[in-house]
Amino acid sequence: MGSTLENTVAHYLESNAVSRIGVYAEDVRSGEKLFELNSQQVFRSASTIKLAIAYEVMRRVDAGLLQLEDGVNVERSKFVGGSGLMRLMAGNLKPSVECMLQLMLTVSDNSASNILVDVVGKSSVNNSMRRLGLNHTVLAGKFMYARKKRFNSTTPADMVRLISAIYLGRGLSAKSSRRLIRILGFQQHTGLIPSSLPGWWVKTINKPGALSDLRADVAVVWSKGWAYSLAVFVEGFKDAYMGERCVREISRGVFDSFLAKRGGVEPGGRGG
């Protein structure tokens, strides 16, 4: 892709605004690489790995091992930090697998995510990632629990291939793929990759993640006749605004380069 995107990345690294950037973008249908930087390097995944949990939930639904209507055990004593919306809504929730899936993906609720880890099992999530060929995506443990050295981890390339698999239904039924896309369409945290894009005619699904010195987002971006997947990981900043701005500028750079390569794209509906 164009030098403008490369210049953006160089600016943030050379100015020491951030210490490391990982990017991978590819055409969803063809698999053509659009841009990459440190795409095979391992990063702490933060909440982007919740896509792996969601994938395993739906894989089990397809296999008849789980139903979205199944009840789950919600214990107030096990509520953890993070978005924590369950603390507010607990008395009004229907405690089902689908409810936890919606809370995990749309507001990144850590308590709901931990409940789903209990439902499907950490090893099952990791085994599903291996079957997809995502060898560097590892769910090491639950969210907001202390761990010795091991973090949930992934790579930008793995995350792109995971969200592309969800979008295309690789290893999932068409029904399960559509359900995850619909839930992700209600994403409440759209301030990174999606916020840099031009308007109503560009559609996205995304799952961001954040730690004190890390910002990450993974998304499918599409319109009529085209779709690409993008993952951006930025770490090692002292100013969170700079880390978030870096993700947004890379996102816009990928978008502009992609459109320029295609000779421009007219506004339209879902394609790819």
C-alpha atoms as a PDB file:
ATOM      1  CA  MET A   1       0.000   0.000   0.000  1.00  0.00           C
ATOM      2  CA  GLY A   2       0.936   3.632  -0.343  1.00  0.00           C
ATOM      3  CA  SER A   3       3.710   5.589   1.303  1.00  0.00           C
ATOM      4  CA  THR A   4       1.237   7.727   3.287  1.00  0.00           C
ATOM      5  CA  LEU A   5       0.358   4.743   5.462  1.00  0.00           C
ATOM      6  CA  GLU A   6       4.008   3.809   5.866  1.00  0.00           C
ATOM      7  CA  ASN A   7       4.815   7.411   6.803  1.00  0.00           C
ATOM      8  CA  THR A   8       2.089   7.374   9.454  1.00  0.00           C
ATOM      9  CA  VAL A   9       3.551   4.260  11.048  1.00  0.00           C
ATOM     10  CA  ALA A  10       7.079   5.661  10.874  1.00  0.00           C
ATOM     11  CA  HIS A  11       5.995   8.934  12.493  1.00  0.00           C
ATOM     12  CA  TYR A  12       4.567   7.234  15.574  1.00  0.00           C
ATOM     13  CA  LEU A  13       7.559   4.930  16.009  1.00  0.00           C
ATOM     14  CA  GLU A  14      10.281   7.493  15.337  1.00  0.00           C
ATOM     15  CA  SER A  15       8.681  10.059  17.654  1.00  0.00           C
ATOM     16  CA  ASN A  16       8.521   7.420  20.433  1.00  0.00           C
ATOM     17  CA  ALA A  17       4.819   8.113  20.830  1.00  0.00           C
ATOM     18  CA  VAL A  18       4.421   4.318  20.840  1.00  0.00           C
ATOM     19  CA  SER A  19       6.993   1.560  21.120  1.00  0.00           C
ATOM     20  CA  ARG A  20       5.493  -1.161  18.913  1.00  0.00           C
ATOM     21  CA  ILE A  21       2.871  -1.430  16.188  1.00  0.00           C
ATOM     22  CA  GLY A  22       1.417  -4.548  14.615  1.00  0.00           C
ATOM     23  CA  VAL A  23      -0.840  -4.379  11.573  1.00  0.00           C
ATOM     24  CA  TYR A  24      -2.317  -6.861   9.156  1.00  0.00           C
ATOM     25  CA  ALA A  25      -4.916  -6.239   6.463  1.00  0.00           C
ATOM     26  CA  GLU A  26      -6.170  -8.563   3.766  1.00  0.00           C
ATOM     27  CA  ASP A  27      -8.938  -8.838   1.205  1.00  0.00           C
ATOM     28  CA  VAL A  28     -11.601 -11.020   2.807  1.00  0.00           C
ATOM     29  CA  ARG A  29     -12.490 -13.005  -0.314  1.00  0.00           C
ATOM     30  CA  SER A  30      -9.169 -13.400  -2.082  1.00  0.00           C
ATOM     31  CA  GLY A  31      -6.913 -13.427   0.971  1.00  0.00           C
ATOM     32  CA  GLU A  32      -4.608 -10.945  -0.766  1.00  0.00           C
ATOM     33  CA  LYS A  33      -2.326  -9.168   1.691  1.00  0.00           C
ATOM     34  CA  LEU A  34      -2.976  -5.430   1.677  1.00  0.00           C
ATOM     35  CA  PHE A  35      -0.577  -4.245   4.380  1.00  0.00           C
ATOM     36  CA  GLU A  36       1.448  -5.785   7.152  1.00  0.00           C
ATOM     37  CA  LEU A  37       3.845  -4.748   9.868  1.00  0.00           C
ATOM     38  CA  ASN A  38       4.929  -7.139  12.617  1.00  0.00           C
ATOM     39  CA  SER A  39       1.858  -9.185  11.727  1.00  0.00           C
ATOM     40  CA  GLN A  40       3.318 -12.418  13.109  1.00  0.00           C
ATOM     41  CA  GLN A  41       4.592 -10.903  16.339  1.00  0.00           C
ATOM     42  CA  VAL A  42       2.757 -11.915  19.494  1.00  0.00           C
ATOM     43  CA  PHE A  43       0.872  -9.199  21.383  1.00  0.00           C
ATOM     44  CA  ARG A  44      -1.242  -9.296  24.509  1.00  0.00           C
ATOM     45  CA  SER A  45      -4.692  -9.771  23.070  1.00  0.00           C
ATOM     46  CA  ALA A  46      -6.725  -7.820  25.635  1.00  0.00           C
ATOM     47  CA  SER A  47     -10.404  -8.240  24.758  1.00  0.00           C
ATOM     48  CA  THR A  48      -9.888  -9.057  21.073  1.00  0.00           C
ATOM     49  CA  ILE A  49      -9.579 -12.704  22.123  1.00  0.00           C
ATOM     50  CA  LYS A  50     -13.269 -12.651  23.040  1.00  0.00           C
ATOM     51  CA  LEU A  51     -13.841 -13.307  19.335  1.00  0.00           C
ATOM     52  CA  ALA A  52     -12.217 -16.712  19.878  1.00  0.00           C
ATOM     53  CA  ILE A  53     -14.588 -17.469  22.759  1.00  0.00           C
ATOM     54  CA  ALA A  54     -17.562 -16.403  20.629  1.00  0.00           C
ATOM     55  CA  TYR A  55     -16.390 -18.592  17.758  1.00  0.00           C
ATOM     56  CA  GLU A  56     -16.184 -21.626  20.046  1.00  0.00           C
ATOM     57  CA  VAL A  57     -19.639 -20.939  21.494  1.00  0.00           C
ATOM     58  CA  MET A  58     -21.180 -20.970  18.017  1.00  0.00           C
ATOM     59  CA  ARG A  59     -19.131 -23.966  16.904  1.00  0.00           C
ATOM     60  CA  ARG A  60     -20.592 -25.899  19.835  1.00  0.00           C
ATOM     61  CA  VAL A  61     -24.088 -24.700  18.967  1.00  0.00           C
ATOM     62  CA  ASP A  62     -23.602 -26.006  15.428  1.00  0.00           C
ATOM     63  CA  ALA A  63     -22.369 -29.339  16.786  1.00  0.00           C
ATOM     64  CA  GLY A  64     -25.441 -29.714  18.992  1.00  0.00           C
ATOM     65  CA  LEU A  65     -23.356 -29.545  22.154  1.00  0.00           C
ATOM     66  CA  LEU A  66     -24.858 -26.268  23.336  1.00  0.00           C
ATOM     67  CA  GLN A  67     -27.961 -24.167  22.859  1.00  0.00           C
ATOM     68  CA  LEU A  68     -28.048 -20.396  23.043  1.00  0.00           C
ATOM     69  CA  GLU A  69     -31.141 -20.687  25.220  1.00  0.00           C
ATOM     70  CA  ASP A  70     -29.279 -22.764  27.820  1.00  0.00           C
ATOM     71  CA  GLY A  71     -29.211 -21.163  31.246  1.00  0.00           C
ATOM     72  CA  VAL A  72     -25.958 -20.120  32.869  1.00  0.00           C
ATOM     73  CA  ASN A  73     -24.991 -19.691  36.502  1.00  0.00           C
ATOM     74  CA  VAL A  74     -24.558 -16.029  37.412  1.00  0.00           C
ATOM     75  CA  GLU A  75     -22.893 -15.685  40.799  1.00  0.00           C
ATOM     76  CA  ARG A  76     -22.586 -12.120  42.058  1.00  0.00           C
ATOM     77  CA  SER A  77     -19.523 -13.136  44.057  1.00  0.00           C
ATOM     78  CA  LYS A  78     -17.663 -13.799  40.792  1.00  0.00           C
ATOM     79  CA  PHE A  79     -18.309 -10.414  39.181  1.00  0.00           C
ATOM     80  CA  VAL A  80     -15.053  -8.816  38.038  1.00  0.00           C
ATOM     81  CA  GLY A  81     -13.984  -5.393  36.800  1.00  0.00           C
ATOM     82  CA  GLY A  82     -13.917  -4.231  33.222  1.00  0.00           C
ATOM     83  CA  SER A  83     -17.063  -2.841  31.654  1.00  0.00           C
ATOM     84  CA  GLY A  84     -18.968  -4.549  34.466  1.00  0.00           C
ATOM     85  CA  LEU A  85     -22.423  -3.895  33.015  1.00  0.00           C
ATOM     86  CA  MET A  86     -23.644  -7.147  34.538  1.00  0.00           C
ATOM     87  CA  ARG A  87     -23.318  -5.612  38.007  1.00  0.00           C
ATOM     88  CA  LEU A  88     -25.969  -3.064  37.058  1.00  0.00           C
ATOM     89  CA  MET A  89     -28.237  -5.371  35.070  1.00  0.00           C
ATOM     90  CA  ALA A  90     -27.953  -8.607  37.035  1.00  0.00           C
ATOM     91  CA  GLY A  91     -31.467  -8.486  38.459  1.00  0.00           C
ATOM     92  CA  ASN A  92     -32.968  -7.858  35.018  1.00  0.00           C
ATOM     93  CA  LEU A  93     -30.986 -10.363  32.977  1.00  0.00           C
ATOM     94  CA  LYS A  94     -32.197 -13.592  31.501  1.00  0.00           C
ATOM     95  CA  PRO A  95     -29.120 -15.668  32.379  1.00  0.00           C
ATOM     96  CA  SER A  96     -28.652 -17.529  29.088  1.00  0.00           C
ATOM     97  CA  VAL A  97     -25.679 -18.314  26.868  1.00  0.00           C
ATOM     98  CA  GLU A  98     -26.953 -15.880  24.238  1.00  0.00           C
ATOM     99  CA  CYS A  99     -27.297 -13.078  26.790  1.00  0.00           C
ATOM    100  CA  MET A 100     -23.690 -13.592  27.908  1.00  0.00           C
ATOM    101  CA  LEU A 101     -22.542 -13.670  24.274  1.00  0.00           C
ATOM    102  CA  GLN A 102     -24.255 -10.352  23.583  1.00  0.00           C
ATOM    103  CA  LEU A 103     -22.748  -8.705  26.665  1.00  0.00           C
ATOM    104  CA  MET A 104     -19.276 -10.078  25.889  1.00  0.00           C
ATOM    105  CA  LEU A 105     -19.195  -8.833  22.302  1.00  0.00           C
ATOM    106  CA  THR A 106     -21.102  -5.539  22.454  1.00  0.00           C
ATOM    107  CA  VAL A 107     -19.858  -4.010  25.722  1.00  0.00           C
ATOM    108  CA  SER A 108     -16.952  -6.407  26.385  1.00  0.00           C
ATOM    109  CA  ASP A 109     -18.321  -7.371  29.795  1.00  0.00           C
ATOM    110  CA  ASN A 110     -15.614  -9.385  31.540  1.00  0.00           C
ATOM    111  CA  SER A 111     -17.962 -11.212  33.914  1.00  0.00           C
ATOM    112  CA  ALA A 112     -20.061 -12.456  30.981  1.00  0.00           C
ATOM    113  CA  SER A 113     -16.873 -13.482  29.191  1.00  0.00           C
ATOM    114  CA  ASN A 114     -15.679 -15.491  32.189  1.00  0.00           C
ATOM    115  CA  ILE A 115     -19.042 -17.268  32.395  1.00  0.00           C
ATOM    116  CA  LEU A 116     -18.675 -18.321  28.754  1.00  0.00           C
ATOM    117  CA  VAL A 117     -15.127 -19.557  29.405  1.00  0.00           C
ATOM    118  CA  ASP A 118     -16.649 -21.797  32.091  1.00  0.00           C
ATOM    119  CA  VAL A 119     -19.355 -22.952  29.644  1.00  0.00           C
ATOM    120  CA  VAL A 120     -17.074 -23.955  26.756  1.00  0.00           C
ATOM    121  CA  GLY A 121     -13.731 -24.519  28.493  1.00  0.00           C
ATOM    122  CA  LYS A 122     -10.413 -22.787  27.927  1.00  0.00           C
ATOM    123  CA  SER A 123      -8.857 -25.799  26.179  1.00  0.00           C
ATOM    124  CA  SER A 124     -11.774 -26.038  23.740  1.00  0.00           C
ATOM    125  CA  VAL A 125     -11.275 -22.424  22.693  1.00  0.00           C
ATOM    126  CA  ASN A 126      -7.560 -23.015  22.135  1.00  0.00           C
ATOM    127  CA  ASN A 127      -8.167 -26.264  20.248  1.00  0.00           C
ATOM    128  CA  SER A 128     -10.596 -24.486  17.920  1.00  0.00           C
ATOM    129  CA  MET A 129      -7.977 -21.850  17.209  1.00  0.00           C
ATOM    130  CA  ARG A 130      -5.435 -24.558  16.338  1.00  0.00           C
ATOM    131  CA  ARG A 131      -7.926 -26.151  13.930  1.00  0.00           C
ATOM    132  CA  LEU A 132      -8.273 -22.780  12.205  1.00  0.00           C
ATOM    133  CA  GLY A 133      -4.472 -22.594  11.955  1.00  0.00           C
ATOM    134  CA  LEU A 134      -4.266 -19.737  14.461  1.00  0.00           C
ATOM    135  CA  ASN A 135      -1.312 -21.104  16.364  1.00  0.00           C
ATOM    136  CA  HIS A 136      -0.441 -17.928  18.260  1.00  0.00           C
ATOM    137  CA  THR A 137      -3.902 -17.180  19.654  1.00  0.00           C
ATOM    138  CA  VAL A 138      -3.988 -18.449  23.221  1.00  0.00           C
ATOM    139  CA  LEU A 139      -6.626 -18.023  25.899  1.00  0.00           C
ATOM    140  CA  ALA A 140      -4.438 -18.384  28.976  1.00  0.00           C
ATOM    141  CA  GLY A 141      -7.138 -17.662  31.542  1.00  0.00           C
ATOM    142  CA  LYS A 142     -10.128 -15.631  32.608  1.00  0.00           C
ATOM    143  CA  PHE A 143     -10.359 -11.855  32.495  1.00  0.00           C
ATOM    144  CA  MET A 144      -9.313  -9.699  35.454  1.00  0.00           C
ATOM    145  CA  TYR A 145      -7.781 -12.698  37.252  1.00  0.00           C
ATOM    146  CA  ALA A 146      -4.140 -12.507  38.316  1.00  0.00           C
ATOM    147  CA  ARG A 147      -1.821 -14.698  36.244  1.00  0.00           C
ATOM    148  CA  LYS A 148       1.898 -15.324  36.542  1.00  0.00           C
ATOM    149  CA  LYS A 149       3.572 -13.981  33.392  1.00  0.00           C
ATOM    150  CA  ARG A 150       1.111 -15.600  30.959  1.00  0.00           C
ATOM    151  CA  PHE A 151      -1.266 -13.295  29.163  1.00  0.00           C
ATOM    152  CA  ASN A 152      -4.013 -14.001  26.686  1.00  0.00           C
ATOM    153  CA  SER A 153      -2.178 -13.490  23.421  1.00  0.00           C
ATOM    154  CA  THR A 154      -2.511 -13.336  19.657  1.00  0.00           C
ATOM    155  CA  THR A 155      -1.020 -11.819  16.507  1.00  0.00           C
ATOM    156  CA  PRO A 156      -2.492  -9.297  14.086  1.00  0.00           C
ATOM    157  CA  ALA A 157      -2.502 -11.946  11.343  1.00  0.00           C
ATOM    158  CA  ASP A 158      -4.345 -14.451  13.547  1.00  0.00           C
ATOM    159  CA  MET A 159      -6.997 -11.903  14.483  1.00  0.00           C
ATOM    160  CA  VAL A 160      -7.628 -10.953  10.861  1.00  0.00           C
ATOM    161  CA  ARG A 161      -8.090 -14.586   9.926  1.00  0.00           C
ATOM    162  CA  LEU A 162     -10.399 -15.176  12.873  1.00  0.00           C
ATOM    163  CA  ILE A 163     -12.753 -12.298  12.139  1.00  0.00           C
ATOM    164  CA  SER A 164     -12.691 -13.226   8.447  1.00  0.00           C
ATOM    165  CA  ALA A 165     -13.681 -16.785   9.410  1.00  0.00           C
ATOM    166  CA  ILE A 166     -16.614 -15.391  11.401  1.00  0.00           C
ATOM    167  CA  TYR A 167     -17.656 -13.117   8.524  1.00  0.00           C
ATOM    168  CA  LEU A 168     -17.432 -15.884   5.911  1.00  0.00           C
ATOM    169  CA  GLY A 169     -18.665 -18.713   8.141  1.00  0.00           C
ATOM    170  CA  ARG A 170     -15.515 -20.822   7.919  1.00  0.00           C
ATOM    171  CA  GLY A 171     -16.067 -23.715  10.295  1.00  0.00           C
ATOM    172  CA  LEU A 172     -19.473 -22.299  11.263  1.00  0.00           C
ATOM    173  CA  SER A 173     -22.932 -22.683   9.803  1.00  0.00           C
ATOM    174  CA  ALA A 174     -24.313 -19.763   7.807  1.00  0.00           C
ATOM    175  CA  LYS A 175     -26.858 -19.217  10.572  1.00  0.00           C
ATOM    176  CA  SER A 176     -24.201 -18.995  13.273  1.00  0.00           C
ATOM    177  CA  SER A 177     -22.071 -16.680  11.160  1.00  0.00           C
ATOM    178  CA  ARG A 178     -25.029 -14.360  10.589  1.00  0.00           C
ATOM    179  CA  ARG A 179     -25.860 -14.362  14.302  1.00  0.00           C
ATOM    180  CA  LEU A 180     -22.345 -13.308  15.298  1.00  0.00           C
ATOM    181  CA  ILE A 181     -22.276 -10.629  12.606  1.00  0.00           C
ATOM    182  CA  ARG A 182     -25.596  -9.294  13.854  1.00  0.00           C
ATOM    183  CA  ILE A 183     -24.426  -9.173  17.479  1.00  0.00           C
ATOM    184  CA  LEU A 184     -21.147  -7.496  16.502  1.00  0.00           C
ATOM    185  CA  GLY A 185     -23.194  -4.993  14.519  1.00  0.00           C
ATOM    186  CA  PHE A 186     -24.415  -3.654  17.889  1.00  0.00           C
ATOM    187  CA  GLN A 187     -20.828  -3.002  19.019  1.00  0.00           C
ATOM    188  CA  GLN A 188     -20.748  -0.090  21.476  1.00  0.00           C
ATOM    189  CA  HIS A 189     -16.984   0.522  21.309  1.00  0.00           C
ATOM    190  CA  THR A 190     -16.411   1.939  17.831  1.00  0.00           C
ATOM    191  CA  GLY A 191     -13.855   4.634  18.586  1.00  0.00           C
ATOM    192  CA  LEU A 192     -10.882   2.971  16.888  1.00  0.00           C
ATOM    193  CA  ILE A 193     -11.058   1.345  13.421  1.00  0.00           C
ATOM    194  CA  PRO A 194     -14.704   2.271  12.611  1.00  0.00           C
ATOM    195  CA  SER A 195     -14.491   5.900  13.735  1.00  0.00           C
ATOM    196  CA  SER A 196     -11.908   6.743  11.076  1.00  0.00           C
ATOM    197  CA  LEU A 197     -14.128   5.656   8.171  1.00  0.00           C
ATOM    198  CA  PRO A 198     -16.173   8.017   6.019  1.00  0.00           C
ATOM    199  CA  GLY A 199     -19.845   7.349   6.546  1.00  0.00           C
ATOM    200  CA  TRP A 200     -23.026   5.297   6.319  1.00  0.00           C
ATOM    201  CA  TRP A 201     -22.050   3.438   3.155  1.00  0.00           C
ATOM    202  CA  VAL A 202     -19.050   1.774   4.796  1.00  0.00           C
ATOM    203  CA  LYS A 203     -20.126  -1.055   7.113  1.00  0.00           C
ATOM    204  CA  THR A 204     -18.064  -2.597   9.904  1.00  0.00           C
ATOM    205  CA  ILE A 205     -18.037  -5.212  12.570  1.00  0.00           C
ATOM    206  CA  ASN A 206     -15.265  -4.935  15.131  1.00  0.00           C
ATOM    207  CA  LYS A 207     -13.954  -6.081  18.492  1.00  0.00           C
ATOM    208  CA  PRO A 208     -11.504  -3.785  20.295  1.00  0.00           C
ATOM    209  CA  GLY A 209      -9.286  -4.401  23.284  1.00  0.00           C
ATOM    210  CA  ALA A 210      -7.506  -2.137  25.741  1.00  0.00           C
ATOM    211  CA  LEU A 211      -4.908  -2.379  28.489  1.00  0.00           C
ATOM    212  CA  SER A 212      -3.131   0.460  30.254  1.00  0.00           C
ATOM    213  CA  ASP A 213      -0.412   0.639  27.573  1.00  0.00           C
ATOM    214  CA  LEU A 214      -2.100  -1.166  24.690  1.00  0.00           C
ATOM    215  CA  ARG A 215      -4.904  -0.417  22.241  1.00  0.00           C
ATOM    216  CA  ALA A 216      -6.074  -2.951  19.677  1.00  0.00           C
ATOM    217  CA  ASP A 217      -8.952  -3.399  17.285  1.00  0.00           C
ATOM    218  CA  VAL A 218      -9.909  -6.019  14.718  1.00  0.00           C
ATOM    219  CA  ALA A 219     -12.590  -5.431  12.110  1.00  0.00           C
ATOM    220  CA  VAL A 220     -14.175  -6.348   8.815  1.00  0.00           C
ATOM    221  CA  VAL A 221     -14.833  -3.288   6.672  1.00  0.00           C
ATOM    222  CA  TRP A 222     -17.111  -3.636   3.662  1.00  0.00           C
ATOM    223  CA  SER A 223     -19.368  -2.036   1.126  1.00  0.00           C
ATOM    224  CA  LYS A 224     -20.902  -3.108  -2.178  1.00  0.00           C
ATOM    225  CA  GLY A 225     -18.639  -5.584  -3.924  1.00  0.00           C
ATOM    226  CA  TRP A 226     -15.682  -5.559  -1.543  1.00  0.00           C
ATOM    227  CA  ALA A 227     -14.574  -6.349   1.998  1.00  0.00           C
ATOM    228  CA  TYR A 228     -11.296  -6.329   3.866  1.00  0.00           C
ATOM    229  CA  SER A 229     -10.229  -7.363   7.353  1.00  0.00           C
ATOM    230  CA  LEU A 230      -7.860  -5.346   9.502  1.00  0.00           C
ATOM    231  CA  ALA A 231      -6.169  -5.780  12.863  1.00  0.00           C
ATOM    232  CA  VAL A 232      -4.124  -3.032  14.527  1.00  0.00           C
ATOM    233  CA  PHE A 233      -2.201  -3.440  17.785  1.00  0.00           C
ATOM    234  CA  VAL A 234      -0.396  -0.461  19.337  1.00  0.00           C
ATOM    235  CA  GLU A 235       1.521  -0.638  22.600  1.00  0.00           C
ATOM    236  CA  GLY A 236       4.061   1.122  24.756  1.00  0.00           C
ATOM    237  CA  PHE A 237       2.553   4.607  24.964  1.00  0.00           C
ATOM    238  CA  LYS A 238       2.387   6.980  27.909  1.00  0.00           C
ATOM    239  CA  ASP A 239      -0.546   8.922  26.481  1.00  0.00           C
ATOM    240  CA  ALA A 240      -3.593   6.769  25.671  1.00  0.00           C
ATOM    241  CA  TYR A 241      -4.876   9.438  23.272  1.00  0.00           C
ATOM    242  CA  MET A 242      -1.773   8.986  21.130  1.00  0.00           C
ATOM    243  CA  GLY A 243      -2.202   5.204  21.099  1.00  0.00           C
ATOM    244  CA  GLU A 244      -5.830   5.498  20.032  1.00  0.00           C
ATOM    245  CA  ARG A 245      -5.085   8.155  17.429  1.00  0.00           C
ATOM    246  CA  CYS A 246      -2.409   5.886  15.992  1.00  0.00           C
ATOM    247  CA  VAL A 247      -4.949   3.062  15.518  1.00  0.00           C
ATOM    248  CA  ARG A 248      -7.422   5.441  13.878  1.00  0.00           C
ATOM    249  CA  GLU A 249      -4.867   6.913  11.488  1.00  0.00           C
ATOM    250  CA  ILE A 250      -3.650   3.481  10.434  1.00  0.00           C
ATOM    251  CA  SER A 251      -7.246   2.417   9.862  1.00  0.00           C
ATOM    252  CA  ARG A 252      -7.919   5.420   7.628  1.00  0.00           C
ATOM    253  CA  GLY A 253      -4.632   4.882   5.816  1.00  0.00           C
ATOM    254  CA  VAL A 254      -5.551   1.285   4.989  1.00  0.00           C
ATOM    255  CA  PHE A 255      -8.994   2.396   3.816  1.00  0.00           C
ATOM    256  CA  ASP A 256      -7.669   5.190   1.583  1.00  0.00           C
ATOM    257  CA  SER A 257      -4.987   2.958   0.081  1.00  0.00           C
ATOM    258  CA  PHE A 258      -7.492   0.178  -0.549  1.00  0.00           C
ATOM    259  CA  LEU A 259      -9.866   2.550  -2.356  1.00  0.00           C
ATOM    260  CA  ALA A 260      -7.058   4.099  -4.372  1.00  0.00           C
ATOM    261  CA  LYS A 261      -5.956   0.647  -5.505  1.00  0.00           C
ATOM    262  CA  ARG A 262      -9.497  -0.093  -6.666  1.00  0.00           C
ATOM    263  CA  GLY A 263      -9.758   3.209  -8.464  1.00  0.00           C
ATOM    264  CA  GLY A 264     -12.443   4.454  -6.068  1.00  0.00           C
ATOM    265  CA  VAL A 265     -15.532   2.784  -4.679  1.00  0.00           C
ATOM    266  CA  GLU A 266     -19.085   4.014  -4.981  1.00  0.00           C
ATOM    267  CA  PRO A 267     -21.336   4.032  -1.897  1.00  0.00           C
ATOM    268  CA  GLY A 268     -23.401   0.883  -1.627  1.00  0.00           C
ATOM    269  CA  GLY A 269     -24.616  -1.961   0.563  1.00  0.00           C
ATOM    270  CA  ARG A 270     -22.991  -5.105   1.841  1.00  0.00           C
ATOM    271  CA  GLY A 271     -20.705  -6.791  -0.600  1.00  0.00           C
ATOM    272  CA  GLY A 272     -17.467  -8.715  -0.686  1.00  0.00           C
END
